[in-house]
C-alpha atoms as a PDB file:
ATOM      1  CA  MET A   1      14.864 -15.298   6.958  1.00  0.00           C
ATOM      2  CA  LYS A   2      17.148 -16.162   4.029  1.00  0.00           C
ATOM      3  CA  ASP A   3      19.832 -17.419   6.424  1.00  0.00           C
ATOM      4  CA  ALA A   4      17.313 -19.242   8.617  1.00  0.00           C
ATOM      5  CA  VAL A   5      15.768 -21.354   5.855  1.00  0.00           C
ATOM      6  CA  GLU A   6      19.220 -22.642   4.963  1.00  0.00           C
ATOM      7  CA  LYS A   7      19.227 -24.361   8.359  1.00  0.00           C
ATOM      8  CA  MET A   8      15.687 -25.781   8.428  1.00  0.00           C
ATOM      9  CA  PRO A   9      12.973 -26.637   5.877  1.00  0.00           C
ATOM     10  CA  VAL A  10      10.909 -23.692   4.653  1.00  0.00           C
ATOM     11  CA  THR A  11       7.549 -25.261   5.562  1.00  0.00           C
ATOM     12  CA  ASP A  12       8.827 -25.931   9.095  1.00  0.00           C
ATOM     13  CA  PHE A  13       9.971 -22.319   9.398  1.00  0.00           C
ATOM     14  CA  LEU A  14       6.597 -21.048   8.160  1.00  0.00           C
ATOM     15  CA  THR A  15       4.771 -23.315  10.628  1.00  0.00           C
ATOM     16  CA  TRP A  16       6.749 -21.846  13.508  1.00  0.00           C
ATOM     17  CA  ARG A  17       6.516 -18.298  12.162  1.00  0.00           C
ATOM     18  CA  PHE A  18       2.745 -18.155  11.721  1.00  0.00           C
ATOM     19  CA  GLY A  19       2.053 -20.367  14.742  1.00  0.00           C
ATOM     20  CA  MET A  20       4.129 -18.172  17.052  1.00  0.00           C
ATOM     21  CA  ALA A  21       2.566 -14.998  15.670  1.00  0.00           C
ATOM     22  CA  GLY A  22      -0.991 -16.272  16.085  1.00  0.00           C
ATOM     23  CA  LEU A  23      -0.423 -17.717  19.566  1.00  0.00           C
ATOM     24  CA  VAL A  24       1.330 -14.595  20.885  1.00  0.00           C
ATOM     25  CA  MET A  25      -1.560 -12.463  19.641  1.00  0.00           C
ATOM     26  CA  LEU A  26      -4.074 -14.875  21.174  1.00  0.00           C
ATOM     27  CA  VAL A  27      -2.313 -14.711  24.547  1.00  0.00           C
ATOM     28  CA  LEU A  28      -2.378 -10.910  24.457  1.00  0.00           C
ATOM     29  CA  ARG A  29      -6.116 -10.840  23.670  1.00  0.00           C
ATOM     30  CA  PRO A  30      -7.522 -14.282  24.507  1.00  0.00           C
ATOM     31  CA  ARG A  31     -11.156 -13.328  23.835  1.00  0.00           C
ATOM     32  CA  SER A  32     -10.508 -11.726  20.435  1.00  0.00           C
ATOM     33  CA  VAL A  33     -11.441 -14.860  18.457  1.00  0.00           C
ATOM     34  CA  ALA A  34     -14.554 -15.607  20.510  1.00  0.00           C
ATOM     35  CA  ARG A  35     -15.801 -12.051  19.981  1.00  0.00           C
ATOM     36  CA  LEU A  36     -15.620 -12.440  16.203  1.00  0.00           C
ATOM     37  CA  GLY A  37     -18.688 -14.642  16.133  1.00  0.00           C
ATOM     38  CA  ALA A  38     -19.249 -17.559  13.781  1.00  0.00           C
ATOM     39  CA  ALA A  39     -19.290 -15.424  10.627  1.00  0.00           C
ATOM     40  CA  GLY A  40     -16.069 -13.622  11.569  1.00  0.00           C
ATOM     41  CA  ARG A  41     -14.257 -16.868  12.350  1.00  0.00           C
ATOM     42  CA  ARG A  42     -15.460 -18.418   9.079  1.00  0.00           C
ATOM     43  CA  ASN A  43     -14.264 -15.402   7.082  1.00  0.00           C
ATOM     44  CA  GLY A  44     -10.955 -15.433   8.941  1.00  0.00           C
ATOM     45  CA  VAL A  45     -10.439 -19.080   8.014  1.00  0.00           C
ATOM     46  CA  LEU A  46     -11.220 -18.346   4.352  1.00  0.00           C
ATOM     47  CA  VAL A  47      -8.688 -15.510   4.064  1.00  0.00           C
ATOM     48  CA  GLY A  48      -6.244 -17.659   6.045  1.00  0.00           C
ATOM     49  CA  LEU A  49      -6.651 -20.473   3.512  1.00  0.00           C
ATOM     50  CA  ALA A  50      -5.902 -18.007   0.705  1.00  0.00           C
ATOM     51  CA  LEU A  51      -2.862 -16.661   2.558  1.00  0.00           C
ATOM     52  CA  GLY A  52      -1.529 -20.128   3.410  1.00  0.00           C
ATOM     53  CA  SER A  53      -2.069 -21.333  -0.151  1.00  0.00           C
ATOM     54  CA  GLY A  54      -0.083 -18.370  -1.435  1.00  0.00           C
ATOM     55  CA  TYR A  55       2.930 -19.058   0.783  1.00  0.00           C
ATOM     56  CA  LEU A  56       2.922 -22.805   0.085  1.00  0.00           C
ATOM     57  CA  LEU A  57       2.528 -22.420  -3.696  1.00  0.00           C
ATOM     58  CA  GLN A  58       5.286 -19.829  -3.731  1.00  0.00           C
ATOM     59  CA  THR A  59       7.569 -22.184  -1.788  1.00  0.00           C
ATOM     60  CA  LEU A  60       6.843 -25.094  -4.137  1.00  0.00           C
ATOM     61  CA  GLY A  61       7.283 -22.869  -7.185  1.00  0.00           C
ATOM     62  CA  LEU A  62      10.682 -21.664  -5.981  1.00  0.00           C
ATOM     63  CA  GLN A  63      11.953 -25.232  -6.260  1.00  0.00           C
ATOM     64  CA  HIS A  64      11.490 -25.054 -10.035  1.00  0.00           C
ATOM     65  CA  THR A  65      12.135 -21.417 -10.961  1.00  0.00           C
ATOM     66  CA  SER A  66      14.480 -18.566 -10.089  1.00  0.00           C
ATOM     67  CA  ALA A  67      13.863 -16.175  -7.234  1.00  0.00           C
ATOM     68  CA  ALA A  68      13.724 -13.209  -9.641  1.00  0.00           C
ATOM     69  CA  VAL A  69      11.029 -14.772 -11.824  1.00  0.00           C
ATOM     70  CA  SER A  70       9.157 -15.909  -8.704  1.00  0.00           C
ATOM     71  CA  GLY A  71       9.229 -12.378  -7.346  1.00  0.00           C
ATOM     72  CA  PHE A  72       7.814 -10.931 -10.545  1.00  0.00           C
ATOM     73  CA  ILE A  73       5.044 -13.514 -10.963  1.00  0.00           C
ATOM     74  CA  THR A  74       4.088 -13.215  -7.283  1.00  0.00           C
ATOM     75  CA  GLY A  75       3.852  -9.453  -7.807  1.00  0.00           C
ATOM     76  CA  MET A  76       1.237 -10.096 -10.491  1.00  0.00           C
ATOM     77  CA  PHE A  77      -1.308 -10.099  -7.666  1.00  0.00           C
ATOM     78  CA  VAL A  78      -1.481  -6.365  -8.394  1.00  0.00           C
ATOM     79  CA  VAL A  79      -3.088  -7.227 -11.754  1.00  0.00           C
ATOM     80  CA  LEU A  80      -5.216 -10.100 -10.463  1.00  0.00           C
ATOM     81  CA  THR A  81      -6.651  -8.150  -7.514  1.00  0.00           C
ATOM     82  CA  PRO A  82      -8.797  -5.724  -9.557  1.00  0.00           C
ATOM     83  CA  VAL A  83      -9.902  -8.639 -11.739  1.00  0.00           C
ATOM     84  CA  GLY A  84     -10.937 -10.573  -8.631  1.00  0.00           C
ATOM     85  CA  ALA A  85     -12.705  -7.547  -7.157  1.00  0.00           C
ATOM     86  CA  ALA A  86     -14.599  -6.992 -10.410  1.00  0.00           C
ATOM     87  CA  VAL A  87     -15.645 -10.654 -10.753  1.00  0.00           C
ATOM     88  CA  LEU A  88     -16.346 -11.542  -7.114  1.00  0.00           C
ATOM     89  CA  LEU A  89     -17.526  -8.223  -5.693  1.00  0.00           C
ATOM     90  CA  ARG A  90     -18.922  -6.602  -8.850  1.00  0.00           C
ATOM     91  CA  ARG A  91     -16.709  -3.580  -8.185  1.00  0.00           C
ATOM     92  CA  PRO A  92     -14.709  -2.760 -11.308  1.00  0.00           C
ATOM     93  CA  PRO A  93     -11.875  -0.307 -10.599  1.00  0.00           C
ATOM     94  CA  GLY A  94     -11.687   3.066 -12.262  1.00  0.00           C
ATOM     95  CA  ARG A  95      -9.453   4.102 -15.138  1.00  0.00           C
ATOM     96  CA  SER A  96      -6.758   5.581 -12.909  1.00  0.00           C
ATOM     97  CA  ALA A  97      -6.591   2.337 -10.907  1.00  0.00           C
ATOM     98  CA  TRP A  98      -6.036   0.288 -14.065  1.00  0.00           C
ATOM     99  CA  LEU A  99      -3.318   2.708 -15.180  1.00  0.00           C
ATOM    100  CA  ALA A 100      -1.671   2.317 -11.768  1.00  0.00           C
ATOM    101  CA  VAL A 101      -1.829  -1.483 -12.183  1.00  0.00           C
ATOM    102  CA  VAL A 102      -0.067  -1.229 -15.564  1.00  0.00           C
ATOM    103  CA  LEU A 103       2.649   1.066 -14.191  1.00  0.00           C
ATOM    104  CA  ALA A 104       3.215  -1.156 -11.148  1.00  0.00           C
ATOM    105  CA  THR A 105       3.450  -4.288 -13.311  1.00  0.00           C
ATOM    106  CA  ILE A 106       6.060  -2.717 -15.602  1.00  0.00           C
ATOM    107  CA  GLY A 107       7.937  -1.499 -12.539  1.00  0.00           C
ATOM    108  CA  LEU A 108       7.922  -4.978 -11.002  1.00  0.00           C
ATOM    109  CA  GLY A 109       9.259  -6.390 -14.254  1.00  0.00           C
ATOM    110  CA  LEU A 110      12.155  -3.938 -14.258  1.00  0.00           C
ATOM    111  CA  LEU A 111      12.894  -4.684 -10.606  1.00  0.00           C
ATOM    112  CA  SER A 112      12.936  -8.464 -10.788  1.00  0.00           C
ATOM    113  CA  LEU A 113      12.534  -9.981 -14.251  1.00  0.00           C
ATOM    114  CA  HIS A 114      15.581 -11.218 -16.178  1.00  0.00           C
ATOM    115  CA  GLY A 115      14.126 -13.696 -18.640  1.00  0.00           C
ATOM    116  CA  LEU A 116      10.942 -15.749 -18.338  1.00  0.00           C
ATOM    117  CA  SER A 117      10.139 -19.339 -19.208  1.00  0.00           C
ATOM    118  CA  ILE A 118       6.846 -21.069 -18.561  1.00  0.00           C
ATOM    119  CA  GLY A 119       7.042 -24.329 -16.635  1.00  0.00           C
ATOM    120  CA  SER A 120       5.677 -26.008 -13.535  1.00  0.00           C
ATOM    121  CA  GLY A 121       7.451 -23.557 -11.241  1.00  0.00           C
ATOM    122  CA  GLU A 122       5.991 -20.550 -13.023  1.00  0.00           C
ATOM    123  CA  LEU A 123       2.491 -22.061 -12.991  1.00  0.00           C
ATOM    124  CA  LEU A 124       2.705 -22.828  -9.264  1.00  0.00           C
ATOM    125  CA  THR A 125       3.875 -19.276  -8.594  1.00  0.00           C
ATOM    126  CA  LEU A 126       1.033 -17.901 -10.693  1.00  0.00           C
ATOM    127  CA  GLY A 127      -1.297 -19.876  -8.403  1.00  0.00           C
ATOM    128  CA  CYS A 128       0.440 -18.122  -5.514  1.00  0.00           C
ATOM    129  CA  ALA A 129      -0.357 -14.727  -7.072  1.00  0.00           C
ATOM    130  CA  VAL A 130      -4.006 -15.746  -7.489  1.00  0.00           C
ATOM    131  CA  ALA A 131      -4.146 -16.800  -3.819  1.00  0.00           C
ATOM    132  CA  PHE A 132      -2.613 -13.522  -2.609  1.00  0.00           C
ATOM    133  CA  ALA A 133      -5.062 -11.564  -4.781  1.00  0.00           C
ATOM    134  CA  LEU A 134      -7.976 -13.495  -3.242  1.00  0.00           C
ATOM    135  CA  HIS A 135      -6.550 -12.750   0.213  1.00  0.00           C
ATOM    136  CA  ILE A 136      -6.522  -9.014  -0.525  1.00  0.00           C
ATOM    137  CA  VAL A 137     -10.025  -9.091  -2.020  1.00  0.00           C
ATOM    138  CA  GLY A 138     -11.358 -11.101   0.941  1.00  0.00           C
ATOM    139  CA  LEU A 139      -9.844  -8.723   3.478  1.00  0.00           C
ATOM    140  CA  GLY A 140     -11.214  -5.755   1.578  1.00  0.00           C
ATOM    141  CA  GLU A 141     -14.700  -7.230   1.820  1.00  0.00           C
ATOM    142  CA  TRP A 142     -14.664  -8.547   5.407  1.00  0.00           C
ATOM    143  CA  ALA A 143     -12.181  -6.409   7.377  1.00  0.00           C
ATOM    144  CA  GLN A 144     -14.734  -3.611   7.823  1.00  0.00           C
ATOM    145  CA  LYS A 145     -17.279  -6.068   9.237  1.00  0.00           C
ATOM    146  CA  HIS A 146     -15.137  -7.709  11.919  1.00  0.00           C
ATOM    147  CA  ASP A 147     -12.541  -6.836  14.554  1.00  0.00           C
ATOM    148  CA  ALA A 148      -9.179  -6.508  12.774  1.00  0.00           C
ATOM    149  CA  TYR A 149      -7.216  -8.106  15.621  1.00  0.00           C
ATOM    150  CA  GLY A 150      -9.385 -11.201  15.909  1.00  0.00           C
ATOM    151  CA  LEU A 151      -9.547 -11.615  12.138  1.00  0.00           C
ATOM    152  CA  ALA A 152      -5.741 -11.456  11.953  1.00  0.00           C
ATOM    153  CA  VAL A 153      -5.380 -14.117  14.671  1.00  0.00           C
ATOM    154  CA  VAL A 154      -7.683 -16.547  12.846  1.00  0.00           C
ATOM    155  CA  GLN A 155      -5.988 -16.120   9.471  1.00  0.00           C
ATOM    156  CA  LEU A 156      -2.502 -16.544  10.957  1.00  0.00           C
ATOM    157  CA  LEU A 157      -3.430 -19.700  12.882  1.00  0.00           C
ATOM    158  CA  THR A 158      -5.133 -21.091   9.764  1.00  0.00           C
ATOM    159  CA  THR A 159      -1.971 -20.453   7.742  1.00  0.00           C
ATOM    160  CA  ALA A 160       0.141 -22.122  10.450  1.00  0.00           C
ATOM    161  CA  ALA A 161      -2.127 -25.191  10.377  1.00  0.00           C
ATOM    162  CA  MET A 162      -1.827 -25.453   6.573  1.00  0.00           C
ATOM    163  CA  CYS A 163       1.969 -25.229   6.728  1.00  0.00           C
ATOM    164  CA  ALA A 164       2.041 -27.830   9.523  1.00  0.00           C
ATOM    165  CA  VAL A 165      -0.034 -30.281   7.448  1.00  0.00           C
ATOM    166  CA  VAL A 166       2.526 -30.007   4.635  1.00  0.00           C
ATOM    167  CA  ALA A 167       5.499 -30.214   7.010  1.00  0.00           C
ATOM    168  CA  VAL A 168       4.278 -33.067   9.251  1.00  0.00           C
ATOM    169  CA  PRO A 169       5.092 -36.015   6.906  1.00  0.00           C
ATOM    170  CA  GLY A 170       8.789 -35.174   7.218  1.00  0.00           C
ATOM    171  CA  GLY A 171       8.492 -34.033  10.828  1.00  0.00           C
ATOM    172  CA  VAL A 172       8.439 -30.433  12.039  1.00  0.00           C
ATOM    173  CA  ASP A 173      11.994 -29.547  13.023  1.00  0.00           C
ATOM    174  CA  VAL A 174      12.753 -27.440  16.088  1.00  0.00           C
ATOM    175  CA  PRO A 175      14.806 -24.312  15.250  1.00  0.00           C
ATOM    176  CA  PRO A 176      18.426 -25.459  15.541  1.00  0.00           C
ATOM    177  CA  ASP A 177      20.170 -22.407  16.996  1.00  0.00           C
ATOM    178  CA  ALA A 178      19.819 -18.890  18.373  1.00  0.00           C
ATOM    179  CA  SER A 179      20.115 -17.221  14.962  1.00  0.00           C
ATOM    180  CA  VAL A 180      17.068 -19.111  13.650  1.00  0.00           C
ATOM    181  CA  TRP A 181      15.115 -18.332  16.828  1.00  0.00           C
ATOM    182  CA  GLY A 182      16.025 -14.679  16.300  1.00  0.00           C
ATOM    183  CA  ALA A 183      14.807 -14.764  12.706  1.00  0.00           C
ATOM    184  CA  LEU A 184      11.600 -16.404  13.914  1.00  0.00           C
ATOM    185  CA  ALA A 185      11.061 -13.775  16.588  1.00  0.00           C
ATOM    186  CA  LEU A 186      11.579 -10.940  14.097  1.00  0.00           C
ATOM    187  CA  THR A 187       9.409 -12.379  11.333  1.00  0.00           C
ATOM    188  CA  ALA A 188       6.695 -13.701  13.672  1.00  0.00           C
ATOM    189  CA  LEU A 189       6.231 -10.561  15.762  1.00  0.00           C
ATOM    190  CA  ALA A 190       7.101  -7.684  13.421  1.00  0.00           C
ATOM    191  CA  ALA A 191       6.651  -9.029   9.889  1.00  0.00           C
ATOM    192  CA  THR A 192       3.644 -11.223  10.689  1.00  0.00           C
ATOM    193  CA  ALA A 193       1.670 -10.356  13.839  1.00  0.00           C
ATOM    194  CA  LEU A 194       2.072  -6.574  13.630  1.00  0.00           C
ATOM    195  CA  ALA A 195       2.027  -6.439   9.829  1.00  0.00           C
ATOM    196  CA  PHE A 196      -1.143  -8.484   9.387  1.00  0.00           C
ATOM    197  CA  VAL A 197      -3.048  -6.633  12.104  1.00  0.00           C
ATOM    198  CA  VAL A 198      -2.185  -3.362  10.373  1.00  0.00           C
ATOM    199  CA  GLN A 199      -3.044  -4.755   6.923  1.00  0.00           C
ATOM    200  CA  THR A 200      -6.365  -6.170   8.131  1.00  0.00           C
ATOM    201  CA  TRP A 201      -7.313  -2.867   9.764  1.00  0.00           C
ATOM    202  CA  ALA A 202      -6.129  -0.776   6.806  1.00  0.00           C
ATOM    203  CA  GLN A 203      -8.106  -2.797   4.292  1.00  0.00           C
ATOM    204  CA  ALA A 204     -11.290  -1.827   6.069  1.00  0.00           C
ATOM    205  CA  HIS A 205     -10.573   1.653   4.649  1.00  0.00           C
ATOM    206  CA  LEU A 206      -8.951   0.836   1.281  1.00  0.00           C
ATOM    207  CA  ALA A 207     -10.308  -0.586  -1.956  1.00  0.00           C
ATOM    208  CA  PRO A 208      -8.609  -3.917  -2.810  1.00  0.00           C
ATOM    209  CA  THR A 209      -6.938  -2.539  -5.965  1.00  0.00           C
ATOM    210  CA  ARG A 210      -5.536   0.432  -4.068  1.00  0.00           C
ATOM    211  CA  ALA A 211      -4.164  -1.855  -1.353  1.00  0.00           C
ATOM    212  CA  ALA A 212      -2.572  -4.157  -3.952  1.00  0.00           C
ATOM    213  CA  VAL A 213      -0.783  -1.278  -5.684  1.00  0.00           C
ATOM    214  CA  ILE A 214       0.540   0.054  -2.372  1.00  0.00           C
ATOM    215  CA  MET A 215       1.859  -3.431  -1.555  1.00  0.00           C
ATOM    216  CA  THR A 216       4.045  -3.332  -4.666  1.00  0.00           C
ATOM    217  CA  MET A 217       6.240  -1.022  -2.583  1.00  0.00           C
ATOM    218  CA  GLU A 218       7.702  -4.191  -1.039  1.00  0.00           C
ATOM    219  CA  PRO A 219      10.491  -4.606  -3.653  1.00  0.00           C
ATOM    220  CA  VAL A 220      11.158  -0.869  -3.484  1.00  0.00           C
ATOM    221  CA  PHE A 221      11.734  -1.092   0.268  1.00  0.00           C
ATOM    222  CA  SER A 222      13.853  -4.203  -0.335  1.00  0.00           C
ATOM    223  CA  GLY A 223      16.081  -2.115  -2.590  1.00  0.00           C
ATOM    224  CA  ILE A 224      16.299   0.697  -0.050  1.00  0.00           C
ATOM    225  CA  PHE A 225      17.324  -1.678   2.752  1.00  0.00           C
ATOM    226  CA  ALA A 226      19.762  -3.456   0.410  1.00  0.00           C
ATOM    227  CA  VAL A 227      21.554  -0.140  -0.076  1.00  0.00           C
ATOM    228  CA  LEU A 228      21.373   1.072   3.545  1.00  0.00           C
ATOM    229  CA  VAL A 229      22.105  -2.241   5.290  1.00  0.00           C
ATOM    230  CA  ALA A 230      23.899  -4.489   2.806  1.00  0.00           C
ATOM    231  CA  GLY A 231      25.803  -1.805   0.897  1.00  0.00           C
ATOM    232  CA  GLU A 232      24.450  -2.854  -2.507  1.00  0.00           C
ATOM    233  CA  VAL A 233      24.474  -0.500  -5.493  1.00  0.00           C
ATOM    234  CA  LEU A 234      21.248  -0.039  -7.470  1.00  0.00           C
ATOM    235  CA  GLY A 235      21.455   0.207 -11.258  1.00  0.00           C
ATOM    236  CA  LEU A 236      19.404   2.401 -13.578  1.00  0.00           C
ATOM    237  CA  ARG A 237      16.987  -0.447 -14.325  1.00  0.00           C
ATOM    238  CA  THR A 238      16.236  -0.954 -10.636  1.00  0.00           C
ATOM    239  CA  LEU A 239      15.807   2.775 -10.063  1.00  0.00           C
ATOM    240  CA  ALA A 240      13.471   3.044 -13.058  1.00  0.00           C
ATOM    241  CA  GLY A 241      11.376   0.144 -11.775  1.00  0.00           C
ATOM    242  CA  ALA A 242      11.166   1.696  -8.320  1.00  0.00           C
ATOM    243  CA  ALA A 243      10.138   5.033  -9.853  1.00  0.00           C
ATOM    244  CA  LEU A 244       7.292   3.365 -11.783  1.00  0.00           C
ATOM    245  CA  VAL A 245       6.035   1.593  -8.657  1.00  0.00           C
ATOM    246  CA  LEU A 246       6.173   4.862  -6.729  1.00  0.00           C
ATOM    247  CA  GLY A 247       4.322   6.571  -9.569  1.00  0.00           C
ATOM    248  CA  ALA A 248       1.646   3.875  -9.498  1.00  0.00           C
ATOM    249  CA  MET A 249       1.156   4.337  -5.759  1.00  0.00           C
ATOM    250  CA  LEU A 250       0.942   8.118  -6.186  1.00  0.00           C
ATOM    251  CA  LEU A 251      -1.646   7.640  -8.932  1.00  0.00           C
ATOM    252  CA  THR A 252      -3.845   5.540  -6.641  1.00  0.00           C
ATOM    253  CA  GLU A 253      -3.642   8.252  -3.998  1.00  0.00           C
ATOM    254  CA  VAL A 254      -4.492  11.061  -6.430  1.00  0.00           C
ATOM    255  CA  GLY A 255      -7.243   9.107  -8.152  1.00  0.00           C
ATOM    256  CA  SER A 256      -8.979   7.883  -4.981  1.00  0.00           C
ATOM    257  CA  PRO A 257     -11.104   9.825  -2.484  1.00  0.00           C
ATOM    258  CA  PRO A 258      -9.623  10.173   1.002  1.00  0.00           C
ATOM    259  CA  PRO A 259     -10.741   7.294   3.234  1.00  0.00           C
ATOM    260  CA  GLN A 260     -12.676   7.785   6.447  1.00  0.00           C
ATOM    261  CA  VAL A 261     -10.152   6.492   8.953  1.00  0.00           C
ATOM    262  CA  GLU A 262     -11.074   5.261  12.399  1.00  0.00           C
ATOM    263  CA  ARG A 263      -8.710   4.763  15.297  1.00  0.00           C
ATOM    264  CA  LEU A 264      -7.093   1.325  15.498  1.00  0.00           C
ATOM    265  CA  GLU A 265      -7.806  -0.380  18.807  1.00  0.00           C
ATOM    266  CA  VAL A 266      -5.665  -3.372  19.744  1.00  0.00           C
END
């Protein structure tokens, strides 16, 4: 994706990415959205608006701040998720969950933070973290009430529409070459369609705070792939941050009762 967005605007890439993902899923199960019912479609649009807002605010924020600071502030959704769940759902997390949030936040700081200044970019990115936290809280509340596949389709198409609205004034560019089409295919099918179906289904069985802490594994996996694929060397700071994030995830598993898991049908 990093190489692809050097060849076309980010909002155009996101429009194609989420649009392709949603349309491919709709073709595979054309009646999935209709079967959601009015309430399911409305909830799907709401979580889609939160998801789209997060991506757009993150993109705008990146124009005014560094990628490292953006990554850390975006990761603050792990702190904002339990706050949102407590305020909106009246479900305050337990003590072990708050401890996991603290550990994950420190770990994220070690992984990505190298100095912090507060400006427009940081504020926009903080808005992104709020939006992602609302997305997680919304999925935690509604995923158990609706079909995961249909709910994922609606939120992805809603996100694509939001990105298109932002991209349209400058025109939505067609991917210029095969490498960009390849990046689109990978991110649309694996990192978007498959990932969001799995996330939507999984959050029917996970508390929002627990899901948020597990998602902080993203920079840990980034480090693993950087070593295995790109040949990078991880320093002690990075390893310490990854260890704290892993510890936070383990704490959520130890401190939470085992979920009642049902079979995923797609």
